[in-house]
PDB file of N, CA and C in Angstrom:
ATOM      1  N   MET A   1      91.438 113.551 107.865  1.00  0.00           N
ATOM      2  CA  MET A   1      92.317 113.781 106.741  1.00  0.00           C
ATOM      3  C   MET A   1      93.732 113.355 107.116  1.00  0.00           C
ATOM      4  N   SER A   2      94.436 112.760 106.183  1.00  0.00           N
ATOM      5  CA  SER A   2      95.764 112.244 106.474  1.00  0.00           C
ATOM      6  C   SER A   2      96.823 113.346 106.381  1.00  0.00           C
ATOM      7  N   ARG A   3      97.866 113.200 107.166  1.00  0.00           N
ATOM      8  CA  ARG A   3      98.954 114.172 107.201  1.00  0.00           C
ATOM      9  C   ARG A   3      99.958 113.938 106.081  1.00  0.00           C
ATOM     10  N   PHE A   4     100.189 112.668 105.715  1.00  0.00           N
ATOM     11  CA  PHE A   4     101.188 112.319 104.715  1.00  0.00           C
ATOM     12  C   PHE A   4     100.513 111.769 103.456  1.00  0.00           C
ATOM     13  N   PRO A   5     100.494 112.519 102.363  1.00  0.00           N
ATOM     14  CA  PRO A   5      99.889 111.999 101.136  1.00  0.00           C
ATOM     15  C   PRO A   5     100.725 110.883 100.515  1.00  0.00           C
ATOM     16  N   LYS A   6     100.102 110.128  99.636  1.00  0.00           N
ATOM     17  CA  LYS A   6     100.787 109.060  98.917  1.00  0.00           C
ATOM     18  C   LYS A   6     102.010 109.647  98.206  1.00  0.00           C
ATOM     19  N   GLY A   7     103.163 108.982  98.345  1.00  0.00           N
ATOM     20  CA  GLY A   7     104.401 109.458  97.738  1.00  0.00           C
ATOM     21  C   GLY A   7     105.275 110.256  98.687  1.00  0.00           C
ATOM     22  N   SER A   8     104.782 110.561  99.889  1.00  0.00           N
ATOM     23  CA  SER A   8     105.571 111.313 100.864  1.00  0.00           C
ATOM     24  C   SER A   8     106.759 110.496 101.347  1.00  0.00           C
ATOM     25  N   ILE A   9     107.857 111.176 101.614  1.00  0.00           N
ATOM     26  CA  ILE A   9     109.027 110.515 102.199  1.00  0.00           C
ATOM     27  C   ILE A   9     108.985 110.774 103.699  1.00  0.00           C
ATOM     28  N   VAL A  10     108.912 109.692 104.463  1.00  0.00           N
ATOM     29  CA  VAL A  10     108.757 109.763 105.914  1.00  0.00           C
ATOM     30  C   VAL A  10     109.819 108.911 106.591  1.00  0.00           C
ATOM     31  N   ARG A  11     109.876 109.028 107.911  1.00  0.00           N
ATOM     32  CA  ARG A  11     110.697 108.115 108.698  1.00  0.00           C
ATOM     33  C   ARG A  11     109.943 107.778 109.971  1.00  0.00           C
ATOM     34  N   HIS A  12     110.307 106.645 110.540  1.00  0.00           N
ATOM     35  CA  HIS A  12     109.690 106.204 111.786  1.00  0.00           C
ATOM     36  C   HIS A  12     110.285 107.027 112.921  1.00  0.00           C
ATOM     37  N   LYS A  13     109.503 107.363 113.916  1.00  0.00           N
ATOM     38  CA  LYS A  13     109.982 108.187 115.034  1.00  0.00           C
ATOM     39  C   LYS A  13     111.148 107.558 115.777  1.00  0.00           C
ATOM     40  N   THR A  14     111.254 106.242 115.750  1.00  0.00           N
ATOM     41  CA  THR A  14     112.294 105.568 116.545  1.00  0.00           C
ATOM     42  C   THR A  14     113.573 105.294 115.769  1.00  0.00           C
ATOM     43  N   GLY A  15     113.644 105.661 114.494  1.00  0.00           N
ATOM     44  CA  GLY A  15     114.837 105.326 113.720  1.00  0.00           C
ATOM     45  C   GLY A  15     115.162 106.345 112.655  1.00  0.00           C
ATOM     46  N   GLN A  16     116.232 106.084 111.918  1.00  0.00           N
ATOM     47  CA  GLN A  16     116.679 106.999 110.880  1.00  0.00           C
ATOM     48  C   GLN A  16     116.339 106.521 109.474  1.00  0.00           C
ATOM     49  N   ILE A  17     115.829 105.306 109.332  1.00  0.00           N
ATOM     50  CA  ILE A  17     115.531 104.785 108.004  1.00  0.00           C
ATOM     51  C   ILE A  17     114.344 105.535 107.403  1.00  0.00           C
ATOM     52  N   LYS A  18     114.455 105.838 106.113  1.00  0.00           N
ATOM     53  CA  LYS A  18     113.407 106.574 105.419  1.00  0.00           C
ATOM     54  C   LYS A  18     112.575 105.625 104.570  1.00  0.00           C
ATOM     55  N   GLY A  19     111.362 106.049 104.279  1.00  0.00           N
ATOM     56  CA  GLY A  19     110.479 105.246 103.445  1.00  0.00           C
ATOM     57  C   GLY A  19     109.521 106.123 102.669  1.00  0.00           C
ATOM     58  N   VAL A  20     108.830 105.504 101.725  1.00  0.00           N
ATOM     59  CA  VAL A  20     107.863 106.190 100.874  1.00  0.00           C
ATOM     60  C   VAL A  20     106.468 105.656 101.180  1.00  0.00           C
ATOM     61  N   VAL A  21     105.518 106.556 101.332  1.00  0.00           N
ATOM     62  CA  VAL A  21     104.126 106.168 101.569  1.00  0.00           C
ATOM     63  C   VAL A  21     103.558 105.586 100.280  1.00  0.00           C
ATOM     64  N   LEU A  22     103.174 104.295 100.325  1.00  0.00           N
ATOM     65  CA  LEU A  22     102.583 103.645  99.159  1.00  0.00           C
ATOM     66  C   LEU A  22     101.064 103.724  99.166  1.00  0.00           C
ATOM     67  N   ASN A  23     100.460 103.630 100.363  1.00  0.00           N
ATOM     68  CA  ASN A  23      99.000 103.675 100.501  1.00  0.00           C
ATOM     69  C   ASN A  23      98.624 104.401 101.769  1.00  0.00           C
ATOM     70  N   VAL A  24      97.513 105.117 101.703  1.00  0.00           N
ATOM     71  CA  VAL A  24      96.975 105.818 102.866  1.00  0.00           C
ATOM     72  C   VAL A  24      95.605 105.230 103.166  1.00  0.00           C
ATOM     73  N   PHE A  25      95.369 104.886 104.424  1.00  0.00           N
ATOM     74  CA  PHE A  25      94.091 104.331 104.860  1.00  0.00           C
ATOM     75  C   PHE A  25      93.459 105.323 105.833  1.00  0.00           C
ATOM     76  N   ASP A  26      92.564 106.163 105.315  1.00  0.00           N
ATOM     77  CA  ASP A  26      91.878 107.146 106.146  1.00  0.00           C
ATOM     78  C   ASP A  26      90.820 106.415 106.958  1.00  0.00           C
ATOM     79  N   GLN A  27      90.832 106.635 108.268  1.00  0.00           N
ATOM     80  CA  GLN A  27      89.968 105.879 109.165  1.00  0.00           C
ATOM     81  C   GLN A  27      88.981 106.778 109.905  1.00  0.00           C
ATOM     82  N   GLY A  28      88.479 107.789 109.230  1.00  0.00           N
ATOM     83  CA  GLY A  28      87.489 108.674 109.841  1.00  0.00           C
ATOM     84  C   GLY A  28      88.097 109.529 110.925  1.00  0.00           C
ATOM     85  N   GLU A  29      87.563 109.424 112.132  1.00  0.00           N
ATOM     86  CA  GLU A  29      88.038 110.241 113.245  1.00  0.00           C
ATOM     87  C   GLU A  29      89.326 109.706 113.864  1.00  0.00           C
ATOM     88  N   ARG A  30      89.654 108.468 113.610  1.00  0.00           N
ATOM     89  CA  ARG A  30      90.903 107.890 114.127  1.00  0.00           C
ATOM     90  C   ARG A  30      92.072 108.318 113.243  1.00  0.00           C
ATOM     91  N   PRO A  31      93.304 108.268 113.771  1.00  0.00           N
ATOM     92  CA  PRO A  31      94.464 108.625 112.937  1.00  0.00           C
ATOM     93  C   PRO A  31      94.575 107.714 111.718  1.00  0.00           C
ATOM     94  N   ALA A  32      95.023 108.279 110.611  1.00  0.00           N
ATOM     95  CA  ALA A  32      95.167 107.514 109.368  1.00  0.00           C
ATOM     96  C   ALA A  32      96.244 106.450 109.533  1.00  0.00           C
ATOM     97  N   GLY A  33      96.171 105.419 108.692  1.00  0.00           N
ATOM     98  CA  GLY A  33      97.187 104.380 108.656  1.00  0.00           C
ATOM     99  C   GLY A  33      97.931 104.459 107.331  1.00  0.00           C
ATOM    100  N   TYR A  34      99.176 104.032 107.331  1.00  0.00           N
ATOM    101  CA  TYR A  34     100.024 104.159 106.141  1.00  0.00           C
ATOM    102  C   TYR A  34     100.775 102.869 105.871  1.00  0.00           C
ATOM    103  N   TYR A  35     100.820 102.473 104.609  1.00  0.00           N
ATOM    104  CA  TYR A  35     101.618 101.331 104.171  1.00  0.00           C
ATOM    105  C   TYR A  35     102.887 101.923 103.561  1.00  0.00           C
ATOM    106  N   ILE A  36     104.041 101.595 104.158  1.00  0.00           N
ATOM    107  CA  ILE A  36     105.318 102.219 103.829  1.00  0.00           C
ATOM    108  C   ILE A  36     106.277 101.213 103.192  1.00  0.00           C
ATOM    109  N   LYS A  37     106.988 101.651 102.150  1.00  0.00           N
ATOM    110  CA  LYS A  37     108.104 100.881 101.594  1.00  0.00           C
ATOM    111  C   LYS A  37     109.375 101.557 102.089  1.00  0.00           C
ATOM    112  N   TRP A  38     110.131 100.838 102.933  1.00  0.00           N
ATOM    113  CA  TRP A  38     111.341 101.379 103.542  1.00  0.00           C
ATOM    114  C   TRP A  38     112.541 101.234 102.610  1.00  0.00           C
ATOM    115  N   ASP A  39     113.560 102.059 102.840  1.00  0.00           N
ATOM    116  CA  ASP A  39     114.787 102.040 102.029  1.00  0.00           C
ATOM    117  C   ASP A  39     115.488 100.685 102.047  1.00  0.00           C
ATOM    118  N   ASP A  40     115.294  99.918 103.109  1.00  0.00           N
ATOM    119  CA  ASP A  40     115.952  98.603 103.189  1.00  0.00           C
ATOM    120  C   ASP A  40     115.173  97.516 102.435  1.00  0.00           C
ATOM    121  N   GLY A  41     114.058  97.905 101.782  1.00  0.00           N
ATOM    122  CA  GLY A  41     113.273  96.959 100.984  1.00  0.00           C
ATOM    123  C   GLY A  41     112.076  96.369 101.692  1.00  0.00           C
ATOM    124  N   ASN A  42     111.974  96.545 102.996  1.00  0.00           N
ATOM    125  CA  ASN A  42     110.833  96.021 103.750  1.00  0.00           C
ATOM    126  C   ASN A  42     109.612  96.909 103.565  1.00  0.00           C
ATOM    127  N   HIS A  43     108.438  96.318 103.777  1.00  0.00           N
ATOM    128  CA  HIS A  43     107.164  97.024 103.744  1.00  0.00           C
ATOM    129  C   HIS A  43     106.492  96.823 105.094  1.00  0.00           C
ATOM    130  N   SER A  44     105.799  97.845 105.585  1.00  0.00           N
ATOM    131  CA  SER A  44     105.065  97.688 106.838  1.00  0.00           C
ATOM    132  C   SER A  44     103.963  98.737 106.947  1.00  0.00           C
ATOM    133  N   TYR A  45     103.030  98.473 107.852  1.00  0.00           N
ATOM    134  CA  TYR A  45     101.886  99.342 108.095  1.00  0.00           C
ATOM    135  C   TYR A  45     102.116 100.087 109.412  1.00  0.00           C
ATOM    136  N   HIS A  46     101.841 101.395 109.419  1.00  0.00           N
ATOM    137  CA  HIS A  46     102.033 102.200 110.630  1.00  0.00           C
ATOM    138  C   HIS A  46     100.920 103.222 110.760  1.00  0.00           C
ATOM    139  N   SER A  47     100.601 103.572 112.003  1.00  0.00           N
ATOM    140  CA  SER A  47      99.624 104.639 112.227  1.00  0.00           C
ATOM    141  C   SER A  47     100.325 105.989 112.109  1.00  0.00           C
ATOM    142  N   GLU A  48      99.533 107.019 111.917  1.00  0.00           N
ATOM    143  CA  GLU A  48     100.052 108.362 111.679  1.00  0.00           C
ATOM    144  C   GLU A  48     100.954 108.856 112.811  1.00  0.00           C
ATOM    145  N   ASN A  49     100.625 108.504 114.042  1.00  0.00           N
ATOM    146  CA  ASN A  49     101.413 108.997 115.170  1.00  0.00           C
ATOM    147  C   ASN A  49     102.765 108.315 115.319  1.00  0.00           C
ATOM    148  N   GLU A  50     103.081 107.311 114.502  1.00  0.00           N
ATOM    149  CA  GLU A  50     104.387 106.641 114.535  1.00  0.00           C
ATOM    150  C   GLU A  50     105.368 107.225 113.524  1.00  0.00           C
ATOM    151  N   LEU A  51     104.880 108.134 112.647  1.00  0.00           N
ATOM    152  CA  LEU A  51     105.697 108.629 111.541  1.00  0.00           C
ATOM    153  C   LEU A  51     105.927 110.132 111.636  1.00  0.00           C
ATOM    154  N   ILE A  52     107.054 110.582 111.059  1.00  0.00           N
ATOM    155  CA  ILE A  52     107.342 112.008 110.923  1.00  0.00           C
ATOM    156  C   ILE A  52     107.926 112.240 109.530  1.00  0.00           C
ATOM    157  N   TRP A  53     107.927 113.497 109.090  1.00  0.00           N
ATOM    158  CA  TRP A  53     108.538 113.822 107.809  1.00  0.00           C
ATOM    159  C   TRP A  53     110.020 113.474 107.866  1.00  0.00           C
ATOM    160  N   ALA A  54     110.563 112.956 106.777  1.00  0.00           N
ATOM    161  CA  ALA A  54     111.978 112.571 106.726  1.00  0.00           C
ATOM    162  C   ALA A  54     112.874 113.795 106.795  1.00  0.00           C
ATOM    163  N   ASN A  55     112.434 114.904 106.245  1.00  0.00           N
ATOM    164  CA  ASN A  55     113.190 116.138 106.253  1.00  0.00           C
ATOM    165  C   ASN A  55     112.371 117.162 107.012  1.00  0.00           C
ATOM    166  N   ILE A  56     112.834 117.579 108.179  1.00  0.00           N
ATOM    167  CA  ILE A  56     112.022 118.475 109.004  1.00  0.00           C
ATOM    168  C   ILE A  56     111.942 119.889 108.445  1.00  0.00           C
ATOM    169  N   ASP A  57     112.828 120.257 107.513  1.00  0.00           N
ATOM    170  CA  ASP A  57     112.792 121.604 106.935  1.00  0.00           C
ATOM    171  C   ASP A  57     111.584 121.800 106.031  1.00  0.00           C
ATOM    172  N   ARG A  58     111.249 120.778 105.270  1.00  0.00           N
ATOM    173  CA  ARG A  58     110.096 120.856 104.373  1.00  0.00           C
ATOM    174  C   ARG A  58     109.697 119.454 103.947  1.00  0.00           C
ATOM    175  N   PRO A  59     108.402 119.246 103.690  1.00  0.00           N
ATOM    176  CA  PRO A  59     107.964 117.928 103.220  1.00  0.00           C
ATOM    177  C   PRO A  59     108.570 117.611 101.853  1.00  0.00           C
ATOM    178  N   ARG A  60     108.855 116.356 101.617  1.00  0.00           N
ATOM    179  CA  ARG A  60     109.381 115.902 100.331  1.00  0.00           C
ATOM    180  C   ARG A  60     108.475 114.815  99.786  1.00  0.00           C
ATOM    181  N   MET A  61     108.425 114.755  98.463  1.00  0.00           N
ATOM    182  CA  MET A  61     107.635 113.738  97.792  1.00  0.00           C
ATOM    183  C   MET A  61     108.548 112.897  96.928  1.00  0.00           C
ATOM    184  N   HIS A  62     108.233 111.623  96.816  1.00  0.00           N
ATOM    185  CA  HIS A  62     108.975 110.723  95.943  1.00  0.00           C
ATOM    186  C   HIS A  62     108.511 111.008  94.524  1.00  0.00           C
ATOM    187  N   ASN A  63     109.435 111.269  93.583  1.00  0.00           N
ATOM    188  CA  ASN A  63     109.032 111.687  92.251  1.00  0.00           C
ATOM    189  C   ASN A  63     109.014 110.580  91.231  1.00  0.00           C
ATOM    190  N   ASN A  64     109.237 109.334  91.601  1.00  0.00           N
ATOM    191  CA  ASN A  64     109.242 108.226  90.660  1.00  0.00           C
ATOM    192  C   ASN A  64     107.923 107.469  90.629  1.00  0.00           C
ATOM    193  N   LEU A  65     106.894 108.011  91.224  1.00  0.00           N
ATOM    194  CA  LEU A  65     105.594 107.344  91.194  1.00  0.00           C
ATOM    195  C   LEU A  65     104.924 107.597  89.852  1.00  0.00           C
ATOM    196  N   GLN A  66     104.188 106.619  89.379  1.00  0.00           N
ATOM    197  CA  GLN A  66     103.524 106.748  88.089  1.00  0.00           C
ATOM    198  C   GLN A  66     102.316 107.676  88.196  1.00  0.00           C
ATOM    199  N   SER A  67     102.062 108.385  87.136  1.00  0.00           N
ATOM    200  CA  SER A  67     100.921 109.272  87.066  1.00  0.00           C
ATOM    201  C   SER A  67      99.635 108.437  87.035  1.00  0.00           C
ATOM    202  N   PRO A  68      98.569 108.911  87.696  1.00  0.00           N
ATOM    203  CA  PRO A  68      97.313 108.150  87.666  1.00  0.00           C
ATOM    204  C   PRO A  68      96.610 108.196  86.318  1.00  0.00           C
ATOM    205  N   LYS A  69      97.126 108.940  85.367  1.00  0.00           N
ATOM    206  CA  LYS A  69      96.505 109.043  84.039  1.00  0.00           C
ATOM    207  C   LYS A  69      96.731 107.807  83.224  1.00  0.00           C
TER     208      LYS A  69
END
């Protein structure tokens, strides 16, 4: 099971830039993979162990995502 659901606001462990989880790739027993759209406009793929919540006080979700309905 993935730690960061789609729409989560995360940051890379090595930097301060924040991003939004666009896609989650659950890989069974291996750590999940995430496709992230960063604040600087770049997109990249990262494994779960490379990411942390952007706000350590509480998880945040991006609220501009379209409803699946």
